[in-house]
């Protein structure tokens, strides 16, 4: 048997072949990420052994660049092992020099397969891949929207610093419609009060009328604003408001498709109180096939929520920290979901409050219940069962859960 280790890159992969004893067969070679490059790979294998069924392949799950070669090889009935880069990196650390080049990495990957020091990364089906791509794109659009909103706030602080206090939400419909027409104090004062009142009335569906228009113009008249480049900044704010509306319409469209795709899976994550479809879809698509994880500890490591001890020499005070390896999307979704669930589920509210009472800060307490949520997710997905809250045996559920939820309420 021969093992072909492939170090994945965007345009040109690097391959290295060993036998089952670990002996290198020839020199490392380049594989263009194209049909011609893949065909040349088959020719090279045939030169070593006419029976190319004797070859198995190993590659790292590097971004999305491995998918083309992986599917091409699988279509030709080759055995292909896709491993996590962390696993090959662990083998590299056993070497004294720990040299890293594409050529060396290809043989290192082959050694991982030969020694059996790996866990296969399974390729999800089309619907699961689509769900993962959509949820990641949604995060990207949400982050972009958030960045633009920060820029709008910073810009308005210069050209109309009092504006933010006039509306409970600067990015609500009424405020947006107004900002698309006038942003600076000068522009607001240039409008007839009746016309300004009509803009506010239509946008707010009658909530704001003449009084709000007069308040706006009075505030604009007494504004302490920077007059430099006010026209330019006004144009930029109007464009950014339009960008925000476009991004939010795209987010809404993506969320509808996410909901449709998620409904195809027999997944009970939304039975957890406070868990919405969008975050459930992120968690499901990032985990993929739950059978890849024999126990919750492996799933915890995949999410990067596992504790790592940091000590050095006589310094024993560094303590444990979250590793933050693995999928950042899964970790983020768990964090957001835990923050919502603790407001709706008594057992999570109790666990969170208990950590706060023990002296942990809010971030540490939220990290703890994110870990707790991941264990719940593992059980629900592994056994395909509904979620049931569990309390320690010595807890008076009716009183402590009620107290915990009450402590999390805004009022």
Protein backbone atom coordinates (compact mmCIF):
# COMPACT_ATOMS: atom_id res chain seq x y z
CA UNK A 1 0.00 0.00 0.00
CA UNK A 2 1.12 3.54 -0.77
CA UNK A 3 0.05 6.71 1.00
CA UNK A 4 -0.14 10.03 -0.83
CA UNK A 5 0.06 13.00 1.50
CA UNK A 6 -1.17 16.26 -0.06
CA UNK A 7 -0.48 19.69 1.37
CA UNK A 8 -3.42 21.80 0.17
CA UNK A 9 -3.02 25.30 -1.29
CA UNK A 10 -5.15 27.63 -3.38
CA UNK A 11 -3.59 27.11 -6.83
CA UNK A 12 -0.92 24.43 -6.48
CA UNK A 13 -0.93 21.54 -4.01
CA UNK A 14 2.21 19.68 -2.93
CA UNK A 15 2.23 15.88 -2.85
CA UNK A 16 4.50 13.32 -1.23
CA UNK A 17 4.27 9.51 -1.42
CA UNK A 18 5.40 6.95 1.17
CA UNK A 19 5.02 3.19 1.45
CA UNK A 20 3.49 1.43 4.45
CA UNK A 21 6.93 1.41 6.15
CA UNK A 22 7.26 5.19 5.93
CA UNK A 23 9.88 5.17 3.17
CA UNK A 24 9.64 8.12 0.78
CA UNK A 25 8.85 7.11 -2.80
CA UNK A 26 10.59 9.61 -5.07
CA UNK A 27 10.60 13.35 -4.45
CA UNK A 28 7.69 15.60 -3.54
CA UNK A 29 5.80 17.01 -6.52
CA UNK A 30 3.37 19.79 -7.43
CA UNK A 31 -0.29 19.26 -8.33
CA UNK A 32 -2.04 22.11 -10.10
CA UNK A 33 -5.57 22.72 -8.87
CA UNK A 34 -7.06 21.93 -12.29
CA UNK A 35 -8.23 18.95 -14.32
CA UNK A 36 -4.83 18.78 -16.05
CA UNK A 37 -3.07 18.80 -12.69
CA UNK A 38 -5.27 16.02 -11.32
CA UNK A 39 -4.77 13.92 -14.45
CA UNK A 40 -0.99 14.33 -14.13
CA UNK A 41 -1.32 13.01 -10.55
CA UNK A 42 -2.86 9.77 -11.86
CA UNK A 43 -0.03 9.38 -14.38
CA UNK A 44 2.55 9.78 -11.62
CA UNK A 45 0.83 7.12 -9.52
CA UNK A 46 0.73 4.74 -12.49
CA UNK A 47 4.50 5.15 -12.94
CA UNK A 48 5.04 3.91 -9.38
CA UNK A 49 2.49 1.10 -9.48
CA UNK A 50 0.19 0.15 -12.36
CA UNK A 51 -2.50 -0.85 -9.84
CA UNK A 52 -3.47 2.62 -8.65
CA UNK A 53 -6.05 1.11 -6.28
CA UNK A 54 -3.05 0.51 -3.98
CA UNK A 55 -2.90 4.24 -3.22
CA UNK A 56 -4.75 6.00 -0.40
CA UNK A 57 -4.76 9.75 0.10
CA UNK A 58 -4.48 12.10 3.04
CA UNK A 59 -5.05 15.84 3.08
CA UNK A 60 -5.82 18.61 5.55
CA UNK A 61 -9.18 20.39 5.73
CA UNK A 62 -7.66 23.75 4.74
CA UNK A 63 -10.40 26.29 4.08
CA UNK A 64 -12.41 25.16 1.04
CA UNK A 65 -9.43 24.47 -1.23
CA UNK A 66 -9.41 20.73 -0.58
CA UNK A 67 -12.98 20.16 -1.78
CA UNK A 68 -12.26 20.03 -5.52
CA UNK A 69 -9.48 17.45 -5.22
CA UNK A 70 -11.40 15.49 -2.59
CA UNK A 71 -14.55 15.11 -4.70
CA UNK A 72 -12.48 14.38 -7.84
CA UNK A 73 -10.64 11.53 -6.09
CA UNK A 74 -13.80 10.15 -4.46
CA UNK A 75 -15.54 10.05 -7.85
CA UNK A 76 -12.73 7.72 -8.95
CA UNK A 77 -13.27 5.47 -5.92
CA UNK A 78 -10.04 6.36 -4.12
CA UNK A 79 -9.87 6.19 -0.33
CA UNK A 80 -9.36 9.75 0.91
CA UNK A 81 -8.74 10.75 4.53
CA UNK A 82 -9.33 14.40 5.41
CA UNK A 83 -7.74 15.38 8.72
CA UNK A 84 -7.74 18.43 10.97
CA UNK A 85 -4.53 20.54 10.61
CA UNK A 86 -4.19 20.42 14.42
CA UNK A 87 -3.51 16.66 14.16
CA UNK A 88 -0.64 16.96 11.67
CA UNK A 89 0.73 19.89 13.66
CA UNK A 90 0.85 17.68 16.76
CA UNK A 91 2.98 15.14 14.85
CA UNK A 92 5.31 17.92 13.67
CA UNK A 93 6.00 18.87 17.28
CA UNK A 94 7.55 15.44 17.84
CA UNK A 95 10.31 16.39 15.42
CA UNK A 96 13.41 18.08 16.88
CA UNK A 97 13.76 20.79 14.23
CA UNK A 98 10.01 21.22 13.60
CA UNK A 99 10.71 22.52 10.08
CA UNK A 100 7.63 23.53 8.08
CA UNK A 101 7.58 23.58 4.28
CA UNK A 102 4.94 22.39 1.81
CA UNK A 103 7.11 19.43 0.79
CA UNK A 104 7.76 18.33 4.38
CA UNK A 105 4.09 18.81 5.29
CA UNK A 106 2.97 16.46 2.51
CA UNK A 107 5.07 13.64 3.99
CA UNK A 108 3.93 14.57 7.51
CA UNK A 109 0.30 14.17 6.43
CA UNK A 110 1.17 10.79 4.87
CA UNK A 111 2.75 9.73 8.18
CA UNK A 112 -0.41 10.74 10.06
CA UNK A 113 -2.41 8.37 7.86
CA UNK A 114 0.21 5.60 8.06
CA UNK A 115 0.40 5.74 11.86
CA UNK A 116 -3.36 6.09 12.27
CA UNK A 117 -2.93 9.32 14.29
CA UNK A 118 -5.97 11.07 12.85
CA UNK A 119 -9.74 11.36 12.84
CA UNK A 120 -11.49 11.68 9.50
CA UNK A 121 -13.35 14.88 8.67
CA UNK A 122 -16.54 13.82 6.96
CA UNK A 123 -17.93 15.82 4.05
CA UNK A 124 -21.46 16.94 4.85
CA UNK A 125 -24.32 16.52 2.39
CA UNK A 126 -25.41 19.36 0.09
CA UNK A 127 -28.14 20.68 2.40
CA UNK A 128 -25.82 20.74 5.41
CA UNK A 129 -23.08 22.50 3.43
CA UNK A 130 -25.60 25.01 2.11
CA UNK A 131 -26.87 25.64 5.64
CA UNK A 132 -23.34 26.20 6.90
CA UNK A 133 -22.47 28.58 4.05
CA UNK A 134 -25.68 30.56 4.56
CA UNK A 135 -25.25 30.91 8.33
CA UNK A 136 -21.63 32.01 7.91
CA UNK A 137 -22.67 34.55 5.29
CA UNK A 138 -25.32 35.84 7.67
CA UNK A 139 -22.69 36.41 10.38
CA UNK A 140 -20.59 38.26 7.80
CA UNK A 141 -23.48 40.53 6.81
CA UNK A 142 -24.45 41.14 10.44
CA UNK A 143 -20.88 42.15 11.28
CA UNK A 144 -20.71 44.42 8.24
CA UNK A 145 -23.98 46.08 9.26
CA UNK A 146 -22.70 46.58 12.78
CA UNK A 147 -19.49 48.20 11.49
CA UNK A 148 -21.42 50.63 9.28
CA UNK A 149 -23.71 51.57 12.18
CA UNK A 150 -20.66 52.41 14.29
CA UNK A 151 -19.40 54.66 11.50
CA UNK A 152 -22.77 56.41 11.25
CA UNK A 153 -22.81 57.06 15.00
CA UNK A 154 -19.25 58.44 14.86
CA UNK A 155 -20.17 60.66 11.91
CA UNK A 156 -23.36 61.95 13.55
CA UNK A 157 -21.40 62.77 16.71
CA UNK A 158 -19.54 65.29 14.58
CA UNK A 159 -22.28 66.79 12.44
CA UNK A 160 -25.25 66.57 14.87
CA UNK A 161 -24.14 65.27 18.32
CA UNK A 162 -27.57 65.78 19.92
CA UNK A 163 -29.41 63.68 17.31
CA UNK A 164 -28.93 60.33 19.05
CA UNK A 165 -30.89 61.53 22.11
CA UNK A 166 -33.92 62.42 19.98
CA UNK A 167 -34.81 58.79 19.14
CA UNK A 168 -34.72 55.63 21.23
CA UNK A 169 -33.08 53.90 18.26
CA UNK A 170 -31.06 55.91 15.74
CA UNK A 171 -31.51 53.07 13.24
CA UNK A 172 -35.27 52.66 13.67
CA UNK A 173 -37.48 53.26 10.63
CA UNK A 174 -38.45 56.83 11.53
CA UNK A 175 -34.88 57.92 12.20
CA UNK A 176 -33.61 56.22 9.03
CA UNK A 177 -36.18 57.86 6.81
CA UNK A 178 -35.26 61.21 8.28
CA UNK A 179 -31.50 60.65 7.89
CA UNK A 180 -31.97 59.71 4.24
CA UNK A 181 -33.45 63.15 3.64
CA UNK A 182 -31.59 65.39 6.12
CA UNK A 183 -28.76 64.71 8.53
CA UNK A 184 -27.18 68.03 9.54
CA UNK A 185 -28.80 70.73 11.69
CA UNK A 186 -28.72 73.04 8.66
CA UNK A 187 -30.66 70.56 6.52
CA UNK A 188 -33.28 69.99 9.23
CA UNK A 189 -33.73 73.75 9.74
CA UNK A 190 -34.09 74.27 5.99
CA UNK A 191 -37.23 72.09 5.96
CA UNK A 192 -40.63 73.58 6.61
CA UNK A 193 -41.89 72.40 10.02
CA UNK A 194 -45.10 71.06 8.48
CA UNK A 195 -43.16 69.07 5.87
CA UNK A 196 -40.82 67.70 8.57
CA UNK A 197 -43.83 66.70 10.68
CA UNK A 198 -45.32 64.87 7.68
CA UNK A 199 -42.09 62.87 7.17
CA UNK A 200 -42.12 61.86 10.81
CA UNK A 201 -45.84 61.01 10.82
CA UNK A 202 -45.61 58.71 7.78
CA UNK A 203 -42.49 56.91 8.98
CA UNK A 204 -43.75 56.41 12.54
CA UNK A 205 -47.33 55.57 11.44
CA UNK A 206 -48.72 58.53 13.41
CA UNK A 207 -46.60 58.14 16.52
CA UNK A 208 -44.58 61.33 15.88
CA UNK A 209 -46.30 64.55 14.73
CA UNK A 210 -45.88 68.32 14.90
CA UNK A 211 -44.43 68.30 18.43
CA UNK A 212 -41.55 66.01 17.42
CA UNK A 213 -40.79 68.18 14.39
CA UNK A 214 -40.61 71.25 16.56
CA UNK A 215 -38.37 69.44 19.04
CA UNK A 216 -36.05 68.39 16.21
CA UNK A 217 -35.74 71.91 14.85
CA UNK A 218 -35.24 73.40 18.30
CA UNK A 219 -32.42 70.91 18.99
CA UNK A 220 -30.90 71.58 15.55
CA UNK A 221 -31.04 75.33 16.18
CA UNK A 222 -29.01 74.93 19.40
CA UNK A 223 -26.70 72.15 18.19
CA UNK A 224 -23.05 72.20 19.10
CA UNK A 225 -21.84 70.64 15.85
CA UNK A 226 -18.60 70.63 13.89
CA UNK A 227 -19.27 72.62 10.73
CA UNK A 228 -16.21 71.38 8.84
CA UNK A 229 -17.09 69.21 5.81
CA UNK A 230 -20.71 68.95 6.99
CA UNK A 231 -22.03 68.53 3.42
CA UNK A 232 -19.57 65.73 2.69
CA UNK A 233 -20.35 63.96 5.95
CA UNK A 234 -24.07 64.33 5.29
CA UNK A 235 -23.65 62.57 1.94
CA UNK A 236 -21.65 59.77 3.56
CA UNK A 237 -24.27 59.21 6.28
CA UNK A 238 -27.07 59.03 3.69
CA UNK A 239 -25.13 56.46 1.66
CA UNK A 240 -24.35 54.39 4.75
CA UNK A 241 -28.03 54.35 5.77
CA UNK A 242 -28.85 52.97 2.31
CA UNK A 243 -26.11 50.33 2.73
CA UNK A 244 -27.56 49.28 6.09
CA UNK A 245 -31.02 48.85 4.57
CA UNK A 246 -29.61 46.78 1.71
CA UNK A 247 -27.63 44.54 4.07
CA UNK A 248 -30.60 44.02 6.36
CA UNK A 249 -32.80 43.05 3.42
CA UNK A 250 -30.14 40.50 2.40
CA UNK A 251 -29.97 39.18 5.96
CA UNK A 252 -33.75 38.79 6.00
CA UNK A 253 -33.65 36.91 2.69
CA UNK A 254 -30.91 34.58 3.95
CA UNK A 255 -32.80 33.90 7.19
CA UNK A 256 -35.86 32.76 5.22
CA UNK A 257 -33.73 30.27 3.25
CA UNK A 258 -32.01 29.12 6.46
CA UNK A 259 -35.42 28.42 8.00
CA UNK A 260 -36.48 26.40 4.94
CA UNK A 261 -33.28 24.33 4.95
CA UNK A 262 -33.33 23.79 8.71
CA UNK A 263 -36.86 22.38 8.48
CA UNK A 264 -35.50 19.53 6.32
CA UNK A 265 -33.53 18.16 9.27
CA UNK A 266 -35.12 16.24 12.11
CA UNK A 267 -33.43 18.49 14.68
CA UNK A 268 -34.83 19.24 18.13
CA UNK A 269 -32.50 22.08 19.13
CA UNK A 270 -35.27 24.67 18.89
CA UNK A 271 -37.10 22.79 21.68
CA UNK A 272 -34.57 24.36 24.05
CA UNK A 273 -36.28 27.50 25.47
CA UNK A 274 -34.71 30.63 23.99
CA UNK A 275 -33.03 28.82 21.08
CA UNK A 276 -34.10 30.37 17.77
CA UNK A 277 -33.96 28.75 14.35
CA UNK A 278 -31.03 30.83 13.11
CA UNK A 279 -28.66 29.97 15.98
CA UNK A 280 -29.88 26.35 15.98
CA UNK A 281 -29.01 26.19 12.26
CA UNK A 282 -25.51 27.56 12.93
CA UNK A 283 -24.89 25.01 15.67
CA UNK A 284 -26.26 22.11 13.62
CA UNK A 285 -24.36 22.99 10.43
CA UNK A 286 -21.04 23.64 12.20
CA UNK A 287 -21.22 20.33 14.08
CA UNK A 288 -22.49 18.38 11.06
CA UNK A 289 -22.61 14.65 11.70
CA UNK A 290 -22.72 14.27 15.50
CA UNK A 291 -21.44 10.68 15.19
CA UNK A 292 -17.98 12.17 14.51
CA UNK A 293 -17.80 12.94 18.23
CA UNK A 294 -17.83 9.86 20.51
CA UNK A 295 -18.20 11.96 23.66
CA UNK A 296 -18.96 15.57 24.73
CA UNK A 297 -15.29 16.30 25.45
CA UNK A 298 -14.36 15.94 21.78
CA UNK A 299 -17.22 18.23 20.77
CA UNK A 300 -16.11 20.74 23.43
CA UNK A 301 -12.59 20.74 21.96
CA UNK A 302 -14.02 21.18 18.46
CA UNK A 303 -15.91 24.25 19.66
CA UNK A 304 -12.81 25.62 21.40
CA UNK A 305 -14.57 25.72 24.79
CA UNK A 306 -12.15 23.28 26.41
CA UNK A 307 -9.98 24.64 29.25
CA UNK A 308 -6.23 24.97 28.71
CA UNK A 309 -3.86 25.22 31.67
CA UNK A 310 -1.23 27.94 31.33
CA UNK A 311 1.73 27.63 33.71
CA UNK A 312 5.38 28.42 33.23
CA UNK A 313 8.23 27.57 35.60
CA UNK A 314 7.56 29.09 38.99
CA UNK A 315 4.62 31.09 37.67
CA UNK A 316 1.55 29.11 38.77
CA UNK A 317 -0.93 31.96 38.59
CA UNK A 318 -1.82 31.86 34.90
CA UNK A 319 -4.60 29.33 35.48
CA UNK A 320 -7.07 27.85 33.00
CA UNK A 321 -8.24 29.66 29.88
CA UNK A 322 -10.61 28.78 27.06
CA UNK A 323 -8.58 27.28 24.19
CA UNK A 324 -10.64 29.07 21.46
CA UNK A 325 -9.55 26.53 18.87
CA UNK A 326 -11.92 24.85 16.46
CA UNK A 327 -14.93 26.52 14.87
CA UNK A 328 -15.29 30.23 15.79
CA UNK A 329 -18.80 30.21 14.27
CA UNK A 330 -19.94 27.40 16.56
CA UNK A 331 -18.40 29.10 19.59
CA UNK A 332 -20.08 32.40 18.74
CA UNK A 333 -23.49 30.77 18.19
CA UNK A 334 -23.24 28.92 21.52
CA UNK A 335 -22.31 32.13 23.29
CA UNK A 336 -25.23 34.05 21.78
CA UNK A 337 -27.68 31.20 22.37
CA UNK A 338 -26.57 30.76 26.00
CA UNK A 339 -27.10 34.46 26.62
CA UNK A 340 -30.69 34.11 25.37
CA UNK A 341 -31.45 30.74 26.98
CA UNK A 342 -30.46 31.90 30.46
CA UNK A 343 -33.38 34.35 30.30
CA UNK A 344 -35.91 31.66 29.42
CA UNK A 345 -34.76 28.39 30.97
CA UNK A 346 -34.78 28.06 34.79
CA UNK A 347 -31.90 25.57 34.94
CA UNK A 348 -29.61 27.80 32.86
CA UNK A 349 -30.69 30.89 34.82
CA UNK A 350 -29.90 29.06 38.06
CA UNK A 351 -26.49 27.85 36.81
CA UNK A 352 -25.58 31.34 35.60
CA UNK A 353 -26.63 33.03 38.85
CA UNK A 354 -24.77 30.42 40.91
CA UNK A 355 -21.53 31.29 39.08
CA UNK A 356 -22.15 35.01 39.63
CA UNK A 357 -22.77 34.40 43.34
CA UNK A 358 -19.52 32.43 43.57
CA UNK A 359 -17.55 35.48 42.43
CA UNK A 360 -17.28 34.91 38.68
CA UNK A 361 -17.77 37.86 36.37
CA UNK A 362 -20.54 37.87 33.73
CA UNK A 363 -18.22 36.77 30.92
CA UNK A 364 -16.90 33.81 32.93
CA UNK A 365 -20.42 32.80 33.98
CA UNK A 366 -21.62 32.99 30.37
CA UNK A 367 -18.65 30.87 29.28
CA UNK A 368 -19.65 28.24 31.83
CA UNK A 369 -23.26 28.01 30.65
CA UNK A 370 -22.08 27.99 27.00
CA UNK A 371 -20.20 24.81 27.93
CA UNK A 372 -23.32 23.51 29.67
CA UNK A 373 -25.37 24.28 26.54
CA UNK A 374 -22.90 22.36 24.36
CA UNK A 375 -23.36 19.29 26.55
CA UNK A 376 -27.13 19.65 26.13
CA UNK A 377 -26.70 20.04 22.35
CA UNK A 378 -24.57 16.86 22.26
CA UNK A 379 -27.25 14.86 24.12
CA UNK A 380 -30.12 16.21 22.02
CA UNK A 381 -28.36 15.57 18.69
CA UNK A 382 -26.82 12.23 19.69
CA UNK A 383 -30.08 10.72 20.91
CA UNK A 384 -32.53 12.84 18.87
CA UNK A 385 -34.57 13.59 21.99
CA UNK A 386 -36.37 16.62 23.39
CA UNK A 387 -34.56 18.76 25.92
CA UNK A 388 -35.57 18.40 29.59
CA UNK A 389 -34.11 20.81 32.20
CA UNK A 390 -32.09 19.09 34.93
CA UNK A 391 -31.39 20.49 38.40
CA UNK A 392 -29.08 19.21 41.14
CA UNK A 393 -31.02 16.96 43.57
CA UNK A 394 -30.71 19.43 46.47
CA UNK A 395 -32.23 22.38 44.57
CA UNK A 396 -35.73 23.69 45.29
CA UNK A 397 -36.66 24.19 41.65
CA UNK A 398 -39.79 26.27 42.12
CA UNK A 399 -38.10 28.91 44.32
CA UNK A 400 -34.51 29.08 43.10
CA UNK A 401 -35.33 28.99 39.39
CA UNK A 402 -37.91 31.73 39.85
CA UNK A 403 -35.38 33.81 41.81
CA UNK A 404 -32.67 33.22 39.18
CA UNK A 405 -34.89 34.29 36.27
CA UNK A 406 -36.14 37.29 38.22
CA UNK A 407 -32.54 38.40 38.81
CA UNK A 408 -31.97 38.40 35.03
CA UNK A 409 -35.07 40.45 34.22
CA UNK A 410 -34.48 44.07 33.13
CA UNK A 411 -36.81 45.37 35.83
